[in-house]
Amino acid sequence: MKRRRIAALALSFMMVGTMLAGCGTGSEAPAGGETTVQAQAGEKKETTEGAASGEKTTLSMMVFPSTENYETINEKFLEQNPDLAEKVDFEVQLGGSGDGDVADKLRLALTSGENVPDIVRLNYTQLPEFAKAGVLYPLGDYIAEYEDKIIDAAKSIMKYDGTYYALPREVKPKVWFYRADIFEECGIDVRQVKTIDEFIAAGETIREIYPNACMENYNVPTTSYDFMMMLSGTGAGFCDENGNYNLASNEDVKLTFERMKKLKDSGVMSSAAEWSADWTPAFDNGEIVSQLIGGWFKTDFKNFNLESQKGKWAMAPWPEEIREGSDAGGAIWVIPAAAKNKELAAEVMTKMCFDEDAAKIIFDVTGVLPALKSAADDAYYNGSNEYYACSLGEVNSEAMEYLKIFPYNPASSQEQKIILQYLDEYLQENMTLDEALKAAQDDMINQIGNPFE
């Protein structure tokens, strides 16, 4: 049996589980005589039954890769909003080390109809799968009062097929981090580095003074993260809108393969893999002096606590040739339609995501910039920073202008596993470019079929 049939069967189980949960004792009956179908269609209600009766409602929140920051934010948010604190508690659950782990747990919960979390942290990557399966609670009515305040880049990761199903945890444009002191010493203006060839040439110039310096760390095996960041700006997918795989003839996919090979073979790449034990020391000892990555890295880099790096780094958009795109669009919150407390969860989370005072709590705890238009000019987000020789808010807002999202579909996770296998064959020169793309296309056709069915 083809994997696409297995996937379709799994989705059928998910939807059956959702309907059973909505009709049985596992799901709270809608207040005010409304039907479950109306509630799932997005009818906004202010409270659940428990909250209306004066009892606190515990909202279960599934996150990754740890719970600490979320627990801190939730505590401060309820302190800031005593009216909500009277009716809400949070229970933060660890869903795993990454978004894939959380997605797996959500699929199992929806299939069984048991322990469906009220609030789930995912990446936009997974939104098409769950939204198309009909298992997410529409949020348009809750977002309406904030809609004019939200940046367009955020709205693009909140929707599937024109309907709001998600709230933004963090929009993730492509941001270039670089050693401002070294680039200045070597006479390199990052704003004049517009192509991959110029990016490599900048690395070669730096190596004349710093022989061990590296501009990036693209390696084999290739990470899905690096490849999809590079591909996302081209607008290319692996199939057409009807689900017909065409990557073997897709010039943008070919170009991305060629760009990845050019960078890998350039001689200015570090062997220190991202998130490996070697990565942090490579920044500290001057091996990595540049990083093409998502804007979220501004916070994670600070958390490395590298005293020697304070004040030496700056940020800019990626080189013009590869500037457009994003890191999976960004991080999102979704609320399952089968969640027991979906209405209250939607009310609370929209406030947490879009209230300006709540945004400052999240920024203080995580460094995540809010998805609000007002943040671009707010001094609160644009003050000096001990690690960076630039304004974080200004650069992040500029990079947002180039944000594009890869056309994810319900089978995107399978597609990425297949494409990476053959990308590595090409990078290691075990296959020609045409052979690798044709093999990847054949595997997608045979293993997935039509990703929309």
Protein backbone atom coordinates (compact mmCIF):
# COMPACT_ATOMS: atom_id res chain seq x y z
CA MET A 1 0.00 0.00 0.00
CA LYS A 2 1.34 3.40 -0.91
CA ARG A 3 2.22 5.83 1.85
CA ARG A 4 -0.31 8.31 0.51
CA ARG A 5 -3.09 5.80 1.23
CA ILE A 6 -1.75 5.29 4.72
CA ALA A 7 -1.62 9.05 5.22
CA ALA A 8 -5.18 9.43 3.93
CA LEU A 9 -6.37 6.69 6.28
CA ALA A 10 -4.63 8.38 9.21
CA LEU A 11 -6.33 11.65 8.39
CA SER A 12 -9.68 9.88 8.20
CA PHE A 13 -9.09 8.48 11.70
CA MET A 14 -8.16 11.96 12.87
CA MET A 15 -11.41 13.43 11.61
CA VAL A 16 -13.46 10.56 13.03
CA GLY A 17 -11.74 11.03 16.37
CA THR A 18 -12.57 14.72 16.22
CA MET A 19 -16.24 14.12 15.52
CA LEU A 20 -16.51 11.53 18.27
CA ALA A 21 -14.79 13.82 20.73
CA GLY A 22 -17.21 16.62 19.79
CA CYS A 23 -20.27 14.41 20.33
CA GLY A 24 -19.18 12.39 23.33
CA THR A 25 -18.27 13.09 26.93
CA GLY A 26 -14.66 13.87 26.01
CA SER A 27 -15.67 17.30 24.69
CA GLU A 28 -17.47 20.00 26.59
CA ALA A 29 -20.91 20.87 25.28
CA PRO A 30 -21.15 24.40 23.85
CA ALA A 31 -22.73 27.00 26.11
CA GLY A 32 -25.96 28.80 25.30
CA GLY A 33 -27.53 25.96 23.33
CA GLU A 34 -25.11 26.24 20.37
CA THR A 35 -24.22 23.08 18.53
CA THR A 36 -20.73 21.62 18.38
CA VAL A 37 -20.70 22.23 14.62
CA GLN A 38 -21.36 25.94 15.19
CA ALA A 39 -18.58 26.12 17.76
CA GLN A 40 -16.10 24.50 15.38
CA ALA A 41 -17.16 26.90 12.63
CA GLY A 42 -15.66 29.74 14.63
CA GLU A 43 -18.53 31.16 16.70
CA LYS A 44 -16.86 33.28 19.36
CA LYS A 45 -17.87 32.61 22.95
CA GLU A 46 -16.46 34.34 25.99
CA THR A 47 -16.12 31.43 28.42
CA THR A 48 -16.43 27.69 28.86
CA GLU A 49 -18.95 26.15 31.25
CA GLY A 50 -16.35 25.80 33.98
CA ALA A 51 -15.37 29.46 33.81
CA ALA A 52 -19.02 30.55 33.72
CA SER A 53 -19.73 28.61 36.92
CA GLY A 54 -16.90 30.35 38.78
CA GLU A 55 -14.44 27.49 38.62
CA LYS A 56 -11.00 27.91 37.07
CA THR A 57 -10.43 26.21 33.76
CA THR A 58 -7.05 24.62 33.13
CA LEU A 59 -5.82 25.16 29.59
CA SER A 60 -3.41 22.48 28.44
CA MET A 61 -0.57 23.84 26.28
CA MET A 62 1.74 21.48 24.35
CA VAL A 63 5.15 22.96 23.46
CA PHE A 64 8.73 22.15 22.48
CA PRO A 65 11.70 21.94 23.17
CA SER A 66 11.24 22.86 26.85
CA THR A 67 8.53 24.28 29.09
CA GLU A 68 10.41 26.87 31.16
CA ASN A 69 9.92 30.01 29.06
CA TYR A 70 6.27 29.22 28.43
CA GLU A 71 5.60 28.72 32.12
CA THR A 72 7.28 32.03 32.94
CA ILE A 73 5.31 33.89 30.26
CA ASN A 74 2.01 32.34 31.35
CA GLU A 75 2.62 33.28 34.98
CA LYS A 76 3.49 36.89 34.14
CA PHE A 77 0.59 37.15 31.69
CA LEU A 78 -1.94 36.08 34.33
CA GLU A 79 -0.41 38.51 36.82
CA GLN A 80 -0.87 41.24 34.23
CA ASN A 81 -4.49 40.17 33.58
CA PRO A 82 -6.18 39.44 36.93
CA ASP A 83 -9.59 39.07 35.25
CA LEU A 84 -8.25 36.10 33.31
CA ALA A 85 -6.33 34.79 36.32
CA GLU A 86 -9.66 34.37 38.11
CA LYS A 87 -10.84 31.86 35.53
CA VAL A 88 -7.73 30.37 33.91
CA ASP A 89 -4.76 28.19 34.82
CA PHE A 90 -2.19 26.79 32.38
CA GLU A 91 -0.76 23.29 32.28
CA VAL A 92 2.31 23.29 30.03
CA GLN A 93 3.15 19.90 28.54
CA LEU A 94 6.42 19.00 26.82
CA GLY A 95 5.59 17.57 23.41
CA GLY A 96 9.17 16.70 22.49
CA SER A 97 12.37 18.23 21.23
CA GLY A 98 10.92 19.66 18.04
CA ASP A 99 7.79 20.51 16.09
CA GLY A 100 7.76 17.07 14.46
CA ASP A 101 7.42 15.41 17.87
CA VAL A 102 4.52 17.67 18.79
CA ALA A 103 2.82 17.01 15.45
CA ASP A 104 3.11 13.26 16.01
CA LYS A 105 1.53 13.54 19.46
CA LEU A 106 -1.26 15.72 18.14
CA ARG A 107 -2.05 13.17 15.41
CA LEU A 108 -2.27 10.39 18.00
CA ALA A 109 -4.47 12.46 20.30
CA LEU A 110 -6.83 13.38 17.47
CA THR A 111 -7.01 9.77 16.32
CA SER A 112 -7.86 8.46 19.79
CA GLY A 113 -9.99 11.42 20.81
CA GLU A 114 -8.24 11.42 24.19
CA ASN A 115 -6.02 14.03 25.86
CA VAL A 116 -6.38 16.52 23.04
CA PRO A 117 -4.47 19.64 24.15
CA ASP A 118 -6.23 23.00 24.13
CA ILE A 119 -3.25 24.90 22.68
CA VAL A 120 -0.48 23.46 20.48
CA ARG A 121 2.85 24.97 19.42
CA LEU A 122 3.83 24.02 15.85
CA ASN A 123 5.60 25.57 12.90
CA TYR A 124 3.76 26.75 9.82
CA THR A 125 5.15 23.64 8.10
CA GLN A 126 2.42 21.53 9.68
CA LEU A 127 -0.51 23.93 9.25
CA PRO A 128 -1.64 22.70 5.80
CA GLU A 129 -1.87 19.10 6.98
CA PHE A 130 -4.05 19.79 10.00
CA ALA A 131 -6.09 22.60 8.46
CA LYS A 132 -6.93 20.55 5.36
CA ALA A 133 -7.94 17.62 7.57
CA GLY A 134 -10.53 19.88 9.22
CA VAL A 135 -9.25 19.35 12.75
CA LEU A 136 -8.34 22.95 13.69
CA TYR A 137 -10.60 25.54 15.30
CA PRO A 138 -11.08 28.62 13.06
CA LEU A 139 -9.93 31.81 14.78
CA GLY A 140 -11.18 34.60 12.53
CA ASP A 141 -13.77 35.92 15.00
CA TYR A 142 -11.18 36.19 17.77
CA ILE A 143 -8.56 37.86 15.57
CA ALA A 144 -10.98 40.46 14.13
CA GLU A 145 -10.43 43.09 16.84
CA TYR A 146 -6.65 42.95 16.36
CA GLU A 147 -6.46 42.44 12.59
CA ASP A 148 -5.55 46.02 11.66
CA LYS A 149 -2.62 45.96 14.11
CA ILE A 150 -0.98 42.79 12.74
CA ILE A 151 1.89 42.88 10.25
CA ASP A 152 1.21 41.28 6.87
CA ALA A 153 4.05 38.78 7.31
CA ALA A 154 2.31 37.39 10.38
CA LYS A 155 -1.04 37.11 8.63
CA SER A 156 0.60 34.96 5.96
CA ILE A 157 1.45 32.26 8.52
CA MET A 158 -1.91 32.49 10.27
CA LYS A 159 -4.01 31.40 7.30
CA TYR A 160 -4.69 28.30 5.27
CA ASP A 161 -6.88 28.59 2.18
CA GLY A 162 -7.98 32.06 3.27
CA THR A 163 -9.09 31.10 6.80
CA TYR A 164 -7.33 32.03 10.04
CA TYR A 165 -6.36 28.80 11.82
CA ALA A 166 -3.20 29.91 13.64
CA LEU A 167 -1.74 32.59 15.87
CA PRO A 168 1.87 33.75 15.46
CA ARG A 169 4.35 32.73 18.11
CA GLU A 170 7.23 34.14 16.05
CA VAL A 171 7.48 35.26 12.43
CA LYS A 172 10.86 34.13 11.07
CA PRO A 173 12.40 36.13 8.24
CA LYS A 174 15.86 35.35 6.87
CA VAL A 175 18.53 37.34 8.73
CA TRP A 176 22.29 37.42 8.13
CA PHE A 177 24.36 37.52 11.33
CA TYR A 178 27.98 38.58 10.92
CA ARG A 179 31.02 39.73 12.89
CA ALA A 180 30.78 43.49 12.38
CA ASP A 181 34.29 44.08 13.73
CA ILE A 182 35.94 41.58 11.36
CA PHE A 183 33.93 42.64 8.31
CA GLU A 184 34.81 46.28 8.93
CA GLU A 185 38.49 45.46 9.42
CA CYS A 186 38.51 43.57 6.11
CA GLY A 187 36.71 46.38 4.28
CA ILE A 188 33.51 44.41 3.58
CA ASP A 189 30.16 46.21 3.48
CA VAL A 190 27.48 43.51 3.79
CA ARG A 191 25.00 45.73 1.99
CA GLN A 192 27.18 45.45 -1.10
CA VAL A 193 27.31 41.66 -0.94
CA LYS A 194 24.45 40.85 -3.25
CA THR A 195 25.16 37.41 -4.75
CA ILE A 196 26.37 33.99 -3.61
CA ASP A 197 29.59 34.55 -5.54
CA GLU A 198 30.14 37.83 -3.67
CA PHE A 199 29.32 36.10 -0.37
CA ILE A 200 32.02 33.50 -1.07
CA ALA A 201 34.45 36.20 -2.21
CA ALA A 202 33.88 38.05 1.07
CA GLY A 203 34.84 34.89 2.93
CA GLU A 204 38.00 34.55 0.88
CA THR A 205 38.91 38.19 1.64
CA ILE A 206 38.43 37.61 5.36
CA ARG A 207 40.62 34.51 5.20
CA GLU A 208 43.55 36.63 4.02
CA ILE A 209 43.66 38.06 7.57
CA TYR A 210 41.82 35.31 9.49
CA PRO A 211 42.81 32.00 7.81
CA ASN A 212 40.42 29.84 9.82
CA ALA A 213 37.34 32.06 9.41
CA CYS A 214 34.23 30.54 7.83
CA MET A 215 31.13 32.21 6.40
CA GLU A 216 28.68 29.38 7.04
CA ASN A 217 28.48 25.67 7.82
CA TYR A 218 26.63 23.94 4.99
CA ASN A 219 27.57 20.27 5.19
CA VAL A 220 26.52 16.76 4.19
CA PRO A 221 24.13 15.42 5.31
CA THR A 222 22.20 18.58 4.46
CA THR A 223 19.70 19.76 7.01
CA SER A 224 16.12 20.29 5.92
CA TYR A 225 16.39 23.69 7.61
CA ASP A 226 19.20 24.96 5.36
CA PHE A 227 17.73 23.60 2.15
CA MET A 228 14.20 24.86 2.75
CA MET A 229 15.48 28.31 3.76
CA MET A 230 17.31 28.52 0.44
CA LEU A 231 14.39 27.15 -1.59
CA SER A 232 11.64 29.16 0.09
CA GLY A 233 12.51 32.43 -1.63
CA THR A 234 12.19 31.05 -5.15
CA GLY A 235 8.46 30.37 -4.94
CA ALA A 236 9.07 26.82 -6.13
CA GLY A 237 7.29 23.78 -4.77
CA PHE A 238 7.76 20.13 -5.65
CA CYS A 239 4.40 19.78 -7.40
CA ASP A 240 1.83 21.92 -9.17
CA GLU A 241 -1.46 23.06 -7.64
CA ASN A 242 -3.12 19.83 -8.78
CA GLY A 243 -0.59 17.64 -6.98
CA ASN A 244 1.43 16.59 -10.03
CA TYR A 245 5.12 16.28 -9.13
CA ASN A 246 7.31 18.29 -11.50
CA LEU A 247 10.54 18.98 -9.65
CA ALA A 248 12.67 17.25 -12.29
CA SER A 249 11.84 20.09 -14.71
CA ASN A 250 11.47 22.88 -12.14
CA GLU A 251 14.21 25.42 -12.82
CA ASP A 252 13.98 26.96 -9.33
CA VAL A 253 14.52 23.61 -7.62
CA LYS A 254 17.47 22.97 -9.93
CA LEU A 255 18.88 26.40 -9.11
CA THR A 256 18.60 25.73 -5.38
CA PHE A 257 20.49 22.44 -5.74
CA GLU A 258 23.22 24.28 -7.65
CA ARG A 259 23.42 27.04 -5.05
CA MET A 260 23.76 24.54 -2.22
CA LYS A 261 26.61 22.82 -4.07
CA LYS A 262 28.38 26.08 -4.81
CA LEU A 263 28.34 27.00 -1.13
CA LYS A 264 29.38 23.53 0.05
CA ASP A 265 32.32 23.45 -2.38
CA SER A 266 33.39 27.05 -1.76
CA GLY A 267 36.13 26.45 0.79
CA VAL A 268 34.70 28.97 3.27
CA MET A 269 32.38 26.54 5.06
CA SER A 270 32.85 25.29 8.63
CA SER A 271 32.44 21.62 9.50
CA ALA A 272 30.74 22.56 12.80
CA ALA A 273 27.15 21.37 12.41
CA GLU A 274 24.34 23.49 13.79
CA TRP A 275 23.35 22.55 17.36
CA SER A 276 26.24 20.11 17.60
CA ALA A 277 28.78 20.30 20.44
CA ASP A 278 31.13 22.08 18.04
CA TRP A 279 28.80 24.89 17.03
CA THR A 280 29.02 27.22 20.04
CA PRO A 281 32.83 26.95 20.36
CA ALA A 282 33.12 27.78 16.65
CA PHE A 283 31.56 31.18 17.32
CA ASP A 284 33.69 31.73 20.39
CA ASN A 285 37.03 30.96 18.73
CA GLY A 286 36.35 32.94 15.57
CA GLU A 287 35.88 29.99 13.23
CA ILE A 288 32.32 31.06 12.32
CA VAL A 289 32.15 34.77 11.52
CA SER A 290 28.89 34.76 9.58
CA GLN A 291 25.63 32.86 9.63
CA LEU A 292 22.72 32.79 7.17
CA ILE A 293 19.81 31.82 9.38
CA GLY A 294 16.41 32.86 10.72
CA GLY A 295 15.78 35.97 12.79
CA TRP A 296 15.08 33.86 15.86
CA PHE A 297 18.84 33.28 16.20
CA LYS A 298 19.33 36.72 17.78
CA THR A 299 18.00 35.30 21.05
CA ASP A 300 19.55 31.85 20.90
CA PHE A 301 22.99 33.31 20.20
CA LYS A 302 22.74 35.49 23.31
CA ASN A 303 21.84 32.39 25.29
CA PHE A 304 25.21 30.86 24.40
CA ASN A 305 26.62 33.33 26.96
CA LEU A 306 29.79 33.97 25.00
CA GLU A 307 31.40 36.89 26.82
CA SER A 308 34.07 37.23 24.13
CA GLN A 309 31.42 37.95 21.48
CA LYS A 310 29.58 40.83 23.14
CA GLY A 311 29.18 43.86 20.91
CA LYS A 312 30.87 42.21 17.92
CA TRP A 313 27.87 40.99 15.94
CA ALA A 314 25.43 42.77 13.65
CA MET A 315 22.44 41.77 11.52
CA ALA A 316 21.32 42.44 7.96
CA PRO A 317 18.99 40.88 5.39
CA TRP A 318 20.53 38.02 3.40
CA PRO A 319 22.42 38.86 0.17
CA GLU A 320 19.98 40.15 -2.44
CA GLU A 321 20.17 37.07 -4.70
CA ILE A 322 18.88 34.78 -1.94
CA ARG A 323 17.18 37.34 0.31
CA GLU A 324 13.55 36.31 -0.07
CA GLY A 325 12.01 33.44 1.88
CA SER A 326 11.68 32.45 5.53
CA ASP A 327 12.34 29.83 8.15
CA ALA A 328 9.17 27.77 7.57
CA GLY A 329 7.26 31.06 7.71
CA GLY A 330 7.44 30.96 11.46
CA ALA A 331 6.27 29.43 14.71
CA ILE A 332 2.54 29.22 15.35
CA TRP A 333 -0.11 28.33 17.90
CA VAL A 334 -3.12 26.24 16.86
CA ILE A 335 -6.21 25.15 18.75
CA PRO A 336 -7.69 21.75 17.88
CA ALA A 337 -11.40 21.75 17.12
CA ALA A 338 -11.72 18.74 19.46
CA ALA A 339 -10.09 20.58 22.40
CA LYS A 340 -12.29 20.68 25.48
CA ASN A 341 -11.70 24.38 26.12
CA LYS A 342 -11.21 25.69 22.59
CA GLU A 343 -13.30 28.85 23.00
CA LEU A 344 -11.51 30.02 26.13
CA ALA A 345 -8.15 29.01 24.67
CA ALA A 346 -8.84 31.13 21.58
CA GLU A 347 -9.86 34.12 23.71
CA VAL A 348 -6.78 33.90 25.93
CA MET A 349 -4.23 33.20 23.22
CA THR A 350 -5.34 36.00 20.89
CA LYS A 351 -4.85 38.42 23.76
CA MET A 352 -1.46 36.94 24.61
CA CYS A 353 -0.31 37.21 20.99
CA PHE A 354 -1.61 40.67 20.14
CA ASP A 355 -1.98 42.72 23.32
CA GLU A 356 0.85 45.27 23.44
CA ASP A 357 1.54 44.77 27.15
CA ALA A 358 1.61 41.00 26.75
CA ALA A 359 4.01 41.42 23.82
CA LYS A 360 6.51 43.09 26.13
CA ILE A 361 6.37 40.16 28.54
CA ILE A 362 7.16 37.73 25.73
CA PHE A 363 9.98 39.95 24.46
CA ASP A 364 11.49 40.25 27.93
CA VAL A 365 11.47 36.48 28.46
CA THR A 366 12.39 35.24 24.98
CA GLY A 367 13.54 38.17 22.84
CA VAL A 368 10.76 37.37 20.36
CA LEU A 369 9.59 40.52 18.60
CA PRO A 370 5.80 40.90 18.38
CA ALA A 371 3.79 40.59 15.17
CA LEU A 372 2.46 44.11 15.66
CA LYS A 373 2.93 47.06 13.31
CA SER A 374 3.67 49.29 16.30
CA ALA A 375 6.78 47.29 17.24
CA ALA A 376 8.83 48.58 14.29
CA ASP A 377 9.08 52.06 15.81
CA ASP A 378 8.73 51.20 19.49
CA ALA A 379 11.85 52.12 21.46
CA TYR A 380 11.13 49.17 23.78
CA TYR A 381 12.24 46.77 21.04
CA ASN A 382 14.93 48.93 19.47
CA GLY A 383 17.20 49.82 22.33
CA SER A 384 20.89 49.01 22.57
CA ASN A 385 21.94 45.41 23.07
CA GLU A 386 25.16 44.13 24.59
CA TYR A 387 25.70 41.51 21.86
CA TYR A 388 24.73 43.42 18.73
CA ALA A 389 26.15 46.50 17.06
CA CYS A 390 22.82 47.31 15.42
CA SER A 391 19.11 47.76 16.12
CA LEU A 392 17.42 44.38 16.37
CA GLY A 393 13.92 45.69 15.72
CA GLU A 394 14.83 47.76 12.68
CA VAL A 395 16.72 44.95 10.93
CA ASN A 396 14.04 42.39 11.77
CA SER A 397 11.33 44.67 10.35
CA GLU A 398 13.36 45.24 7.19
CA ALA A 399 13.86 41.51 6.70
CA MET A 400 10.09 40.99 7.07
CA GLU A 401 9.62 42.82 3.77
CA TYR A 402 11.25 39.88 1.99
CA LEU A 403 9.40 37.11 3.80
CA LYS A 404 8.01 34.40 1.54
CA ILE A 405 6.62 31.02 2.51
CA PHE A 406 7.27 27.74 0.76
CA PRO A 407 3.99 26.26 -0.59
CA TYR A 408 3.68 23.55 2.05
CA ASN A 409 1.06 20.83 1.55
CA PRO A 410 -0.19 17.91 3.69
CA ALA A 411 2.71 15.70 2.54
CA SER A 412 5.53 18.23 2.96
CA SER A 413 7.32 16.30 5.69
CA GLN A 414 7.53 13.21 3.43
CA GLU A 415 8.65 15.33 0.48
CA GLN A 416 11.50 16.87 2.44
CA LYS A 417 12.87 13.50 3.53
CA ILE A 418 12.92 12.34 -0.07
CA ILE A 419 14.45 15.48 -1.56
CA LEU A 420 17.24 15.65 1.02
CA GLN A 421 18.30 12.09 0.28
CA TYR A 422 18.92 12.93 -3.36
CA LEU A 423 20.33 16.38 -2.68
CA ASP A 424 23.09 14.68 -0.68
CA GLU A 425 23.71 12.22 -3.52
CA TYR A 426 24.18 15.20 -5.82
CA LEU A 427 26.38 17.14 -3.39
CA GLN A 428 28.64 14.10 -3.00
CA GLU A 429 28.72 13.69 -6.80
CA ASN A 430 27.18 10.23 -6.67
CA MET A 431 24.45 11.49 -9.04
CA THR A 432 24.20 14.22 -11.62
CA LEU A 433 21.74 17.04 -11.00
CA ASP A 434 19.22 15.64 -13.49
CA GLU A 435 19.55 12.10 -12.10
CA ALA A 436 18.99 13.27 -8.52
CA LEU A 437 15.93 15.36 -9.35
CA LYS A 438 14.39 12.62 -11.51
CA ALA A 439 14.92 10.02 -8.77
CA ALA A 440 13.39 12.32 -6.15
CA GLN A 441 10.39 12.99 -8.39
CA ASP A 442 9.86 9.26 -9.04
CA ASP A 443 9.99 8.52 -5.30
CA MET A 444 7.44 11.24 -4.53
CA ILE A 445 5.09 9.91 -7.18
CA ASN A 446 5.46 6.31 -5.98
CA GLN A 447 5.44 6.94 -2.23
CA ILE A 448 3.05 9.88 -1.96
CA GLY A 449 0.99 10.03 -5.15
CA ASN A 450 -1.10 13.20 -4.95
CA PRO A 451 -0.21 15.12 -1.75
CA PHE A 452 -3.63 16.77 -1.66
CA GLU A 453 -5.60 13.52 -1.65
